[in-house]
Amino acid sequence: MLLYFDKIDLIFNILHIAVILINCLGWTYKPVKKFSLYLILITLFSWSIVGIFGGIGFCPITYLHSKYLLSNHDYILPFSYLDYIFINNLDFDISSRTISLISIIVIFSSLYLSLAKNNIKSKFLNILLLCTVISWILIFSHYNLGSKIYLYDIEVILSCFLTLFYISCILKKIAVIKSNY
């Protein structure tokens, strides 16, 4: 079991675990609930829109961490940081696809709860959330995390833009709420 190579690797690990915890549980702690909401939206934007160019589920922290480990320790980090933690370090007997599906369910559940805790409620957003979750589950049932997207992968591109539309609807709702105060 490999926890970390050096101090910079340790910092990457701490940063990534902090992002994961804030994404999953930030809505429970009042001082960070707004930050958590924005961090979830940034994460989803990265997974989908940036993922069109960097691979489905792209994470810039994992990308930089991977580049660092490869250049300084000849270690190849998996595309998914959760794969690195659960499969490589903790030796769980679980597939990468299962981790991806659980991640989708957890982050969208956290987003739903974060929206509720931040008093951003809308039937339209709830329906759009359900459609977005279903589209992501369908993607991960046919594609692996990190898969490159091509123009003929229309279902993936549509799902990514559905996610972008959902994020923009949430941001618009936040802007409307702020302007009413």
N, C-alpha and C. Protein backbone atom coordinates (compact mmCIF):
# COMPACT_ATOMS: atom_id res chain seq x y z
N MET A 1 0.85 -1.18 0.00
CA MET A 1 0.00 0.00 0.00
C MET A 1 0.90 1.24 0.00
N LEU A 2 0.67 2.10 -0.97
CA LEU A 2 1.47 3.29 -1.13
C LEU A 2 0.63 4.51 -0.79
N LEU A 3 0.98 5.22 0.26
CA LEU A 3 0.21 6.40 0.65
C LEU A 3 0.70 7.65 -0.05
N TYR A 4 2.02 7.88 -0.06
CA TYR A 4 2.55 9.01 -0.80
C TYR A 4 4.04 8.86 -1.00
N PHE A 5 4.54 9.53 -2.05
CA PHE A 5 5.97 9.46 -2.38
C PHE A 5 6.78 10.54 -1.67
N ASP A 6 6.26 11.76 -1.65
CA ASP A 6 6.99 12.89 -1.09
C ASP A 6 6.00 13.97 -0.64
N LYS A 7 6.51 15.11 -0.21
CA LYS A 7 5.64 16.16 0.32
C LYS A 7 4.70 16.74 -0.73
N ILE A 8 5.16 16.89 -1.95
CA ILE A 8 4.29 17.43 -3.00
C ILE A 8 3.17 16.44 -3.31
N ASP A 9 3.50 15.17 -3.38
CA ASP A 9 2.48 14.14 -3.58
C ASP A 9 1.48 14.16 -2.43
N LEU A 10 1.97 14.32 -1.22
CA LEU A 10 1.09 14.39 -0.05
C LEU A 10 0.14 15.59 -0.16
N ILE A 11 0.65 16.73 -0.62
CA ILE A 11 -0.20 17.92 -0.80
C ILE A 11 -1.27 17.65 -1.84
N PHE A 12 -0.91 17.02 -2.96
CA PHE A 12 -1.91 16.65 -3.97
C PHE A 12 -2.97 15.73 -3.37
N ASN A 13 -2.54 14.75 -2.58
CA ASN A 13 -3.49 13.82 -1.95
C ASN A 13 -4.44 14.55 -1.01
N ILE A 14 -3.90 15.42 -0.18
CA ILE A 14 -4.73 16.17 0.77
C ILE A 14 -5.71 17.07 0.02
N LEU A 15 -5.23 17.75 -1.02
CA LEU A 15 -6.10 18.62 -1.82
C LEU A 15 -7.23 17.82 -2.46
N HIS A 16 -6.87 16.70 -3.04
CA HIS A 16 -7.90 15.90 -3.71
C HIS A 16 -8.92 15.34 -2.72
N ILE A 17 -8.46 14.85 -1.60
CA ILE A 17 -9.38 14.32 -0.59
C ILE A 17 -10.27 15.43 -0.04
N ALA A 18 -9.72 16.62 0.14
CA ALA A 18 -10.52 17.76 0.61
C ALA A 18 -11.61 18.10 -0.41
N VAL A 19 -11.27 18.12 -1.68
CA VAL A 19 -12.27 18.40 -2.72
C VAL A 19 -13.37 17.34 -2.71
N ILE A 20 -12.98 16.09 -2.59
CA ILE A 20 -13.96 15.00 -2.57
C ILE A 20 -14.88 15.14 -1.35
N LEU A 21 -14.32 15.40 -0.19
CA LEU A 21 -15.13 15.54 1.02
C LEU A 21 -16.06 16.76 0.94
N ILE A 22 -15.56 17.87 0.44
CA ILE A 22 -16.41 19.06 0.30
C ILE A 22 -17.51 18.80 -0.72
N ASN A 23 -17.17 18.13 -1.83
CA ASN A 23 -18.20 17.80 -2.82
C ASN A 23 -19.28 16.88 -2.24
N CYS A 24 -18.87 15.94 -1.43
CA CYS A 24 -19.82 14.95 -0.90
C CYS A 24 -20.57 15.44 0.33
N LEU A 25 -19.89 16.19 1.20
CA LEU A 25 -20.48 16.51 2.50
C LEU A 25 -20.53 18.00 2.82
N GLY A 26 -20.06 18.83 1.93
CA GLY A 26 -20.00 20.27 2.21
C GLY A 26 -21.34 20.90 2.50
N TRP A 27 -22.39 20.35 1.94
CA TRP A 27 -23.73 20.88 2.15
C TRP A 27 -24.19 20.71 3.61
N THR A 28 -23.53 19.83 4.37
CA THR A 28 -23.95 19.59 5.75
C THR A 28 -23.41 20.64 6.72
N TYR A 29 -22.40 21.37 6.31
CA TYR A 29 -21.71 22.31 7.20
C TYR A 29 -21.98 23.73 6.71
N LYS A 30 -22.74 24.48 7.48
CA LYS A 30 -23.22 25.80 7.06
C LYS A 30 -22.15 26.74 6.52
N PRO A 31 -20.98 26.86 7.17
CA PRO A 31 -19.98 27.81 6.65
C PRO A 31 -19.46 27.51 5.23
N VAL A 32 -19.56 26.26 4.79
CA VAL A 32 -19.03 25.93 3.45
C VAL A 32 -20.11 25.50 2.46
N LYS A 33 -21.39 25.63 2.83
CA LYS A 33 -22.43 25.09 1.95
C LYS A 33 -22.50 25.81 0.59
N LYS A 34 -22.29 27.12 0.56
CA LYS A 34 -22.29 27.83 -0.73
C LYS A 34 -21.05 27.46 -1.54
N PHE A 35 -19.89 27.44 -0.86
CA PHE A 35 -18.65 27.04 -1.53
C PHE A 35 -18.79 25.63 -2.09
N SER A 36 -19.40 24.74 -1.32
CA SER A 36 -19.60 23.36 -1.74
C SER A 36 -20.44 23.29 -3.01
N LEU A 37 -21.49 24.08 -3.06
CA LEU A 37 -22.34 24.11 -4.24
C LEU A 37 -21.54 24.51 -5.48
N TYR A 38 -20.76 25.57 -5.36
CA TYR A 38 -19.96 26.03 -6.50
C TYR A 38 -18.88 25.01 -6.87
N LEU A 39 -18.30 24.36 -5.88
CA LEU A 39 -17.28 23.35 -6.15
C LEU A 39 -17.88 22.15 -6.89
N ILE A 40 -19.08 21.76 -6.51
CA ILE A 40 -19.76 20.66 -7.22
C ILE A 40 -20.00 21.06 -8.68
N LEU A 41 -20.45 22.29 -8.89
CA LEU A 41 -20.70 22.75 -10.26
C LEU A 41 -19.41 22.80 -11.07
N ILE A 42 -18.33 23.24 -10.45
CA ILE A 42 -17.03 23.26 -11.15
C ILE A 42 -16.60 21.83 -11.48
N THR A 43 -16.80 20.91 -10.54
CA THR A 43 -16.45 19.51 -10.77
C THR A 43 -17.24 18.94 -11.93
N LEU A 44 -18.53 19.18 -11.96
CA LEU A 44 -19.36 18.67 -13.06
C LEU A 44 -18.98 19.31 -14.39
N PHE A 45 -18.64 20.59 -14.36
CA PHE A 45 -18.18 21.26 -15.58
C PHE A 45 -16.90 20.60 -16.08
N SER A 46 -15.99 20.32 -15.18
CA SER A 46 -14.74 19.67 -15.56
C SER A 46 -14.99 18.27 -16.11
N TRP A 47 -15.82 17.50 -15.42
CA TRP A 47 -16.11 16.14 -15.87
C TRP A 47 -16.74 16.11 -17.25
N SER A 48 -17.60 17.10 -17.53
CA SER A 48 -18.34 17.06 -18.79
C SER A 48 -17.70 17.92 -19.87
N ILE A 49 -17.71 19.22 -19.73
CA ILE A 49 -17.25 20.09 -20.80
C ILE A 49 -15.74 19.98 -21.02
N VAL A 50 -14.95 20.08 -19.96
CA VAL A 50 -13.51 19.89 -20.11
C VAL A 50 -13.24 18.43 -20.50
N GLY A 51 -14.11 17.54 -20.03
CA GLY A 51 -13.98 16.12 -20.36
C GLY A 51 -14.13 15.82 -21.84
N ILE A 52 -14.79 16.69 -22.58
CA ILE A 52 -14.89 16.49 -24.02
C ILE A 52 -13.49 16.47 -24.63
N PHE A 53 -12.60 17.28 -24.08
CA PHE A 53 -11.25 17.39 -24.62
C PHE A 53 -10.24 16.51 -23.87
N GLY A 54 -10.45 16.30 -22.57
CA GLY A 54 -9.47 15.57 -21.77
C GLY A 54 -9.88 14.16 -21.41
N GLY A 55 -11.07 13.76 -21.77
CA GLY A 55 -11.58 12.43 -21.42
C GLY A 55 -12.72 12.55 -20.43
N ILE A 56 -13.72 11.71 -20.57
CA ILE A 56 -14.90 11.75 -19.71
C ILE A 56 -14.48 11.68 -18.25
N GLY A 57 -14.97 12.62 -17.46
CA GLY A 57 -14.64 12.63 -16.04
C GLY A 57 -13.33 13.31 -15.72
N PHE A 58 -12.86 14.16 -16.63
CA PHE A 58 -11.56 14.82 -16.45
C PHE A 58 -11.52 15.64 -15.17
N CYS A 59 -10.41 15.50 -14.44
CA CYS A 59 -10.17 16.28 -13.23
C CYS A 59 -8.80 16.93 -13.34
N PRO A 60 -8.73 18.26 -13.30
CA PRO A 60 -7.43 18.93 -13.43
C PRO A 60 -6.46 18.60 -12.29
N ILE A 61 -6.97 18.35 -11.10
CA ILE A 61 -6.08 18.00 -9.99
C ILE A 61 -5.43 16.64 -10.25
N THR A 62 -6.23 15.68 -10.67
CA THR A 62 -5.69 14.36 -10.98
C THR A 62 -4.70 14.45 -12.13
N TYR A 63 -5.01 15.26 -13.12
CA TYR A 63 -4.13 15.44 -14.27
C TYR A 63 -2.76 15.98 -13.83
N LEU A 64 -2.78 17.04 -13.03
CA LEU A 64 -1.51 17.63 -12.55
C LEU A 64 -0.76 16.66 -11.64
N HIS A 65 -1.51 15.99 -10.78
CA HIS A 65 -0.91 15.00 -9.87
C HIS A 65 -0.25 13.89 -10.68
N SER A 66 -0.94 13.43 -11.70
CA SER A 66 -0.42 12.37 -12.55
C SER A 66 0.86 12.81 -13.26
N LYS A 67 0.85 14.01 -13.80
CA LYS A 67 2.05 14.54 -14.48
C LYS A 67 3.23 14.62 -13.50
N TYR A 68 2.94 15.07 -12.30
CA TYR A 68 3.99 15.18 -11.29
C TYR A 68 4.57 13.80 -10.95
N LEU A 69 3.69 12.84 -10.67
CA LEU A 69 4.17 11.50 -10.29
C LEU A 69 4.93 10.83 -11.42
N LEU A 70 4.47 11.01 -12.63
CA LEU A 70 5.16 10.40 -13.77
C LEU A 70 6.55 11.00 -13.96
N SER A 71 6.65 12.31 -13.87
CA SER A 71 7.95 12.95 -14.12
C SER A 71 8.92 12.81 -12.95
N ASN A 72 8.42 12.67 -11.74
CA ASN A 72 9.32 12.62 -10.57
C ASN A 72 9.50 11.24 -9.95
N HIS A 73 8.56 10.34 -10.21
CA HIS A 73 8.64 9.03 -9.56
C HIS A 73 8.36 7.86 -10.50
N ASP A 74 8.23 8.14 -11.79
CA ASP A 74 7.92 7.09 -12.78
C ASP A 74 6.70 6.28 -12.38
N TYR A 75 5.73 6.93 -11.79
CA TYR A 75 4.51 6.25 -11.35
C TYR A 75 3.35 6.75 -12.21
N ILE A 76 2.58 5.83 -12.74
CA ILE A 76 1.44 6.20 -13.58
C ILE A 76 0.18 6.14 -12.72
N LEU A 77 -0.40 7.31 -12.51
CA LEU A 77 -1.63 7.42 -11.73
C LEU A 77 -2.81 7.07 -12.63
N PRO A 78 -3.78 6.30 -12.14
CA PRO A 78 -4.96 6.02 -12.96
C PRO A 78 -5.70 7.33 -13.29
N PHE A 79 -6.55 7.30 -14.29
CA PHE A 79 -7.30 8.49 -14.68
C PHE A 79 -8.18 8.97 -13.54
N SER A 80 -8.70 8.05 -12.77
CA SER A 80 -9.57 8.39 -11.64
C SER A 80 -8.81 8.33 -10.32
N TYR A 81 -8.86 9.41 -9.58
CA TYR A 81 -8.22 9.44 -8.27
C TYR A 81 -8.87 8.43 -7.32
N LEU A 82 -10.17 8.24 -7.45
CA LEU A 82 -10.85 7.26 -6.59
C LEU A 82 -10.38 5.83 -6.90
N ASP A 83 -10.07 5.55 -8.16
CA ASP A 83 -9.48 4.26 -8.50
C ASP A 83 -8.14 4.11 -7.79
N TYR A 84 -7.37 5.17 -7.80
CA TYR A 84 -6.06 5.18 -7.15
C TYR A 84 -6.19 4.88 -5.66
N ILE A 85 -7.16 5.51 -5.01
CA ILE A 85 -7.35 5.30 -3.58
C ILE A 85 -7.90 3.91 -3.28
N PHE A 86 -9.04 3.57 -3.91
CA PHE A 86 -9.74 2.34 -3.54
C PHE A 86 -9.14 1.07 -4.13
N ILE A 87 -8.70 1.14 -5.39
CA ILE A 87 -8.18 -0.07 -6.02
C ILE A 87 -6.68 -0.21 -5.78
N ASN A 88 -5.92 0.86 -6.03
CA ASN A 88 -4.46 0.76 -5.92
C ASN A 88 -3.96 0.78 -4.48
N ASN A 89 -4.52 1.67 -3.65
CA ASN A 89 -3.99 1.82 -2.28
C ASN A 89 -4.71 0.95 -1.25
N LEU A 90 -6.01 0.91 -1.31
CA LEU A 90 -6.76 0.15 -0.30
C LEU A 90 -7.08 -1.27 -0.74
N ASP A 91 -6.75 -1.59 -2.00
CA ASP A 91 -6.90 -2.94 -2.55
C ASP A 91 -8.34 -3.47 -2.46
N PHE A 92 -9.31 -2.57 -2.69
CA PHE A 92 -10.71 -3.01 -2.72
C PHE A 92 -10.93 -3.84 -3.98
N ASP A 93 -11.76 -4.84 -3.85
CA ASP A 93 -12.13 -5.67 -5.01
C ASP A 93 -13.38 -5.05 -5.64
N ILE A 94 -13.15 -3.98 -6.42
CA ILE A 94 -14.25 -3.25 -7.04
C ILE A 94 -13.76 -2.76 -8.39
N SER A 95 -14.66 -2.70 -9.35
CA SER A 95 -14.26 -2.26 -10.69
C SER A 95 -14.26 -0.74 -10.78
N SER A 96 -13.48 -0.25 -11.71
CA SER A 96 -13.42 1.18 -11.97
C SER A 96 -14.79 1.71 -12.40
N ARG A 97 -15.50 0.94 -13.18
CA ARG A 97 -16.83 1.34 -13.65
C ARG A 97 -17.80 1.49 -12.48
N THR A 98 -17.72 0.57 -11.51
CA THR A 98 -18.58 0.66 -10.32
C THR A 98 -18.26 1.92 -9.53
N ILE A 99 -16.97 2.21 -9.38
CA ILE A 99 -16.56 3.43 -8.68
C ILE A 99 -17.11 4.65 -9.41
N SER A 100 -17.05 4.64 -10.73
CA SER A 100 -17.56 5.76 -11.52
C SER A 100 -19.06 5.94 -11.33
N LEU A 101 -19.80 4.85 -11.37
CA LEU A 101 -21.26 4.93 -11.19
C LEU A 101 -21.61 5.43 -9.79
N ILE A 102 -20.92 4.94 -8.79
CA ILE A 102 -21.17 5.42 -7.42
C ILE A 102 -20.84 6.90 -7.32
N SER A 103 -19.75 7.31 -7.96
CA SER A 103 -19.36 8.72 -7.94
C SER A 103 -20.43 9.60 -8.55
N ILE A 104 -21.01 9.16 -9.65
CA ILE A 104 -22.08 9.93 -10.31
C ILE A 104 -23.27 10.07 -9.37
N ILE A 105 -23.68 8.98 -8.78
CA ILE A 105 -24.83 9.01 -7.88
C ILE A 105 -24.55 9.90 -6.67
N VAL A 106 -23.36 9.78 -6.11
CA VAL A 106 -23.01 10.58 -4.92
C VAL A 106 -22.95 12.06 -5.25
N ILE A 107 -22.28 12.43 -6.34
CA ILE A 107 -22.12 13.87 -6.61
C ILE A 107 -23.45 14.51 -6.97
N PHE A 108 -24.30 13.80 -7.71
CA PHE A 108 -25.59 14.39 -8.04
C PHE A 108 -26.53 14.41 -6.83
N SER A 109 -26.41 13.43 -5.96
CA SER A 109 -27.17 13.47 -4.71
C SER A 109 -26.72 14.64 -3.85
N SER A 110 -25.41 14.83 -3.79
CA SER A 110 -24.86 15.96 -3.04
C SER A 110 -25.31 17.28 -3.65
N LEU A 111 -25.35 17.34 -4.97
CA LEU A 111 -25.82 18.56 -5.63
C LEU A 111 -27.28 18.83 -5.27
N TYR A 112 -28.11 17.81 -5.32
CA TYR A 112 -29.52 17.98 -4.96
C TYR A 112 -29.66 18.48 -3.52
N LEU A 113 -28.93 17.86 -2.61
CA LEU A 113 -29.00 18.26 -1.20
C LEU A 113 -28.41 19.65 -0.99
N SER A 114 -27.36 19.97 -1.71
CA SER A 114 -26.75 21.29 -1.62
C SER A 114 -27.71 22.37 -2.11
N LEU A 115 -28.40 22.07 -3.21
CA LEU A 115 -29.40 23.03 -3.71
C LEU A 115 -30.50 23.24 -2.67
N ALA A 116 -30.95 22.16 -2.06
CA ALA A 116 -32.00 22.26 -1.04
C ALA A 116 -31.51 23.07 0.16
N LYS A 117 -30.29 22.79 0.63
CA LYS A 117 -29.74 23.51 1.78
C LYS A 117 -29.50 24.99 1.49
N ASN A 118 -29.26 25.31 0.22
CA ASN A 118 -29.04 26.69 -0.18
C ASN A 118 -30.34 27.36 -0.65
N ASN A 119 -31.47 26.69 -0.39
CA ASN A 119 -32.81 27.20 -0.74
C ASN A 119 -32.94 27.53 -2.22
N ILE A 120 -32.41 26.66 -3.05
CA ILE A 120 -32.56 26.79 -4.50
C ILE A 120 -33.42 25.61 -4.93
N LYS A 121 -34.70 25.89 -5.02
CA LYS A 121 -35.65 24.81 -5.29
C LYS A 121 -36.43 25.12 -6.55
N SER A 122 -36.63 24.07 -7.36
CA SER A 122 -37.37 24.23 -8.60
C SER A 122 -37.72 22.85 -9.13
N LYS A 123 -38.96 22.66 -9.52
CA LYS A 123 -39.35 21.38 -10.12
C LYS A 123 -38.60 21.16 -11.43
N PHE A 124 -38.41 22.24 -12.18
CA PHE A 124 -37.67 22.15 -13.43
C PHE A 124 -36.24 21.66 -13.18
N LEU A 125 -35.57 22.23 -12.18
CA LEU A 125 -34.21 21.79 -11.85
C LEU A 125 -34.19 20.33 -11.41
N ASN A 126 -35.20 19.90 -10.68
CA ASN A 126 -35.27 18.50 -10.23
C ASN A 126 -35.44 17.55 -11.42
N ILE A 127 -36.29 17.93 -12.37
CA ILE A 127 -36.49 17.10 -13.56
C ILE A 127 -35.21 17.07 -14.40
N LEU A 128 -34.60 18.22 -14.54
CA LEU A 128 -33.34 18.31 -15.29
C LEU A 128 -32.24 17.50 -14.60
N LEU A 129 -32.22 17.53 -13.28
CA LEU A 129 -31.26 16.73 -12.51
C LEU A 129 -31.45 15.24 -12.82
N LEU A 130 -32.67 14.79 -12.78
CA LEU A 130 -32.96 13.38 -13.05
C LEU A 130 -32.50 13.00 -14.47
N CYS A 131 -32.80 13.84 -15.44
CA CYS A 131 -32.37 13.57 -16.81
C CYS A 131 -30.85 13.53 -16.93
N THR A 132 -30.19 14.44 -16.25
CA THR A 132 -28.73 14.50 -16.29
C THR A 132 -28.12 13.27 -15.65
N VAL A 133 -28.64 12.86 -14.50
CA VAL A 133 -28.13 11.67 -13.82
C VAL A 133 -28.30 10.44 -14.71
N ILE A 134 -29.46 10.29 -15.28
CA ILE A 134 -29.72 9.13 -16.16
C ILE A 134 -28.76 9.14 -17.34
N SER A 135 -28.54 10.32 -17.92
CA SER A 135 -27.62 10.39 -19.07
C SER A 135 -26.21 9.99 -18.67
N TRP A 136 -25.75 10.41 -17.49
CA TRP A 136 -24.41 10.04 -17.03
C TRP A 136 -24.32 8.55 -16.72
N ILE A 137 -25.35 8.00 -16.13
CA ILE A 137 -25.34 6.55 -15.85
C ILE A 137 -25.28 5.77 -17.16
N LEU A 138 -26.01 6.23 -18.17
CA LEU A 138 -25.97 5.57 -19.48
C LEU A 138 -24.58 5.69 -20.10
N ILE A 139 -23.96 6.85 -19.96
CA ILE A 139 -22.61 7.02 -20.49
C ILE A 139 -21.66 6.02 -19.86
N PHE A 140 -21.67 5.93 -18.52
CA PHE A 140 -20.73 5.05 -17.84
C PHE A 140 -21.09 3.58 -17.96
N SER A 141 -22.27 3.29 -18.44
CA SER A 141 -22.58 1.88 -18.70
C SER A 141 -22.02 1.46 -20.07
N HIS A 142 -21.64 2.45 -20.92
CA HIS A 142 -21.09 2.13 -22.23
C HIS A 142 -19.64 2.59 -22.44
N TYR A 143 -19.21 3.55 -21.65
CA TYR A 143 -17.86 4.11 -21.81
C TYR A 143 -17.13 4.02 -20.48
N ASN A 144 -15.82 3.96 -20.57
CA ASN A 144 -15.00 3.98 -19.37
C ASN A 144 -14.62 5.40 -19.02
N LEU A 145 -14.37 5.63 -17.76
CA LEU A 145 -13.90 6.93 -17.31
C LEU A 145 -12.59 7.23 -18.04
N GLY A 146 -12.47 8.44 -18.54
CA GLY A 146 -11.27 8.83 -19.26
C GLY A 146 -11.34 8.58 -20.75
N SER A 147 -12.43 7.95 -21.21
CA SER A 147 -12.56 7.71 -22.64
C SER A 147 -12.53 9.02 -23.41
N LYS A 148 -11.79 9.02 -24.50
CA LYS A 148 -11.77 10.18 -25.37
C LYS A 148 -13.10 10.25 -26.11
N ILE A 149 -13.56 11.46 -26.32
CA ILE A 149 -14.85 11.67 -26.97
C ILE A 149 -14.60 12.11 -28.41
N TYR A 150 -15.34 11.51 -29.32
CA TYR A 150 -15.24 11.86 -30.73
C TYR A 150 -16.58 12.45 -31.18
N LEU A 151 -16.57 13.13 -32.30
CA LEU A 151 -17.79 13.78 -32.79
C LEU A 151 -18.93 12.80 -33.02
N TYR A 152 -18.62 11.55 -33.34
CA TYR A 152 -19.68 10.57 -33.57
C TYR A 152 -20.23 9.99 -32.25
N ASP A 153 -19.64 10.33 -31.11
CA ASP A 153 -20.16 9.92 -29.81
C ASP A 153 -21.24 10.92 -29.37
N ILE A 154 -22.26 11.03 -30.19
CA ILE A 154 -23.26 12.07 -30.01
C ILE A 154 -23.97 11.98 -28.66
N GLU A 155 -24.19 10.77 -28.15
CA GLU A 155 -24.88 10.64 -26.87
C GLU A 155 -24.03 11.20 -25.72
N VAL A 156 -22.73 11.05 -25.82
CA VAL A 156 -21.85 11.59 -24.80
C VAL A 156 -21.81 13.12 -24.88
N ILE A 157 -21.69 13.63 -26.09
CA ILE A 157 -21.64 15.08 -26.29
C ILE A 157 -22.96 15.71 -25.83
N LEU A 158 -24.08 15.08 -26.17
CA LEU A 158 -25.38 15.60 -25.72
C LEU A 158 -25.49 15.59 -24.20
N SER A 159 -25.00 14.53 -23.57
CA SER A 159 -25.04 14.46 -22.11
C SER A 159 -24.17 15.54 -21.49
N CYS A 160 -23.01 15.78 -22.08
CA CYS A 160 -22.13 16.83 -21.57
C CYS A 160 -22.79 18.20 -21.69
N PHE A 161 -23.44 18.44 -22.81
CA PHE A 161 -24.10 19.73 -22.97
C PHE A 161 -25.38 19.83 -22.13
N LEU A 162 -26.03 18.70 -21.86
CA LEU A 162 -27.16 18.70 -20.92
C LEU A 162 -26.66 19.09 -19.54
N THR A 163 -25.49 18.58 -19.16
CA THR A 163 -24.89 18.96 -17.88
C THR A 163 -24.57 20.44 -17.85
N LEU A 164 -24.02 20.96 -18.94
CA LEU A 164 -23.72 22.39 -19.03
C LEU A 164 -25.00 23.22 -18.92
N PHE A 165 -26.05 22.78 -19.58
CA PHE A 165 -27.34 23.47 -19.51
C PHE A 165 -27.87 23.45 -18.07
N TYR A 166 -27.75 22.31 -17.42
CA TYR A 166 -28.19 22.18 -16.03
C TYR A 166 -27.41 23.13 -15.12
N ILE A 167 -26.09 23.16 -15.28
CA ILE A 167 -25.24 24.06 -14.49
C ILE A 167 -25.65 25.51 -14.73
N SER A 168 -25.88 25.87 -16.00
CA SER A 168 -26.25 27.26 -16.30
C SER A 168 -27.62 27.61 -15.72
N CYS A 169 -28.55 26.65 -15.70
CA CYS A 169 -29.86 26.89 -15.08
C CYS A 169 -29.72 27.13 -13.58
N ILE A 170 -28.86 26.38 -12.94
CA ILE A 170 -28.61 26.57 -11.51
C ILE A 170 -28.00 27.94 -11.26
N LEU A 171 -26.99 28.31 -12.05
CA LEU A 171 -26.35 29.61 -11.88
C LEU A 171 -27.33 30.75 -12.14
N LYS A 172 -28.21 30.56 -13.11
CA LYS A 172 -29.23 31.58 -13.39
C LYS A 172 -30.18 31.71 -12.20
N LYS A 173 -30.58 30.58 -11.63
CA LYS A 173 -31.46 30.58 -10.46
C LYS A 173 -30.79 31.29 -9.28
N ILE A 174 -29.49 31.03 -9.08
CA ILE A 174 -28.74 31.69 -8.01
C ILE A 174 -28.71 33.19 -8.26
N ALA A 175 -28.48 33.60 -9.50
CA ALA A 175 -28.44 35.03 -9.84
C ALA A 175 -29.79 35.70 -9.61
N VAL A 176 -30.88 35.00 -9.93
CA VAL A 176 -32.22 35.54 -9.71
C VAL A 176 -32.49 35.70 -8.22
N ILE A 177 -32.10 34.69 -7.44
CA ILE A 177 -32.29 34.76 -5.99
C ILE A 177 -31.50 35.93 -5.39
N LYS A 178 -30.25 36.09 -5.84
CA LYS A 178 -29.42 37.18 -5.33
C LYS A 178 -29.99 38.54 -5.72
N SER A 179 -30.54 38.65 -6.91
CA SER A 179 -31.07 39.95 -7.35
C SER A 179 -32.36 40.31 -6.63
N ASN A 180 -33.04 39.34 -6.05
CA ASN A 180 -34.28 39.63 -5.32
C ASN A 180 -34.02 40.11 -3.90
N TYR A 181 -32.75 40.10 -3.47
CA TYR A 181 -32.43 40.53 -2.11
C TYR A 181 -31.78 41.87 -2.11
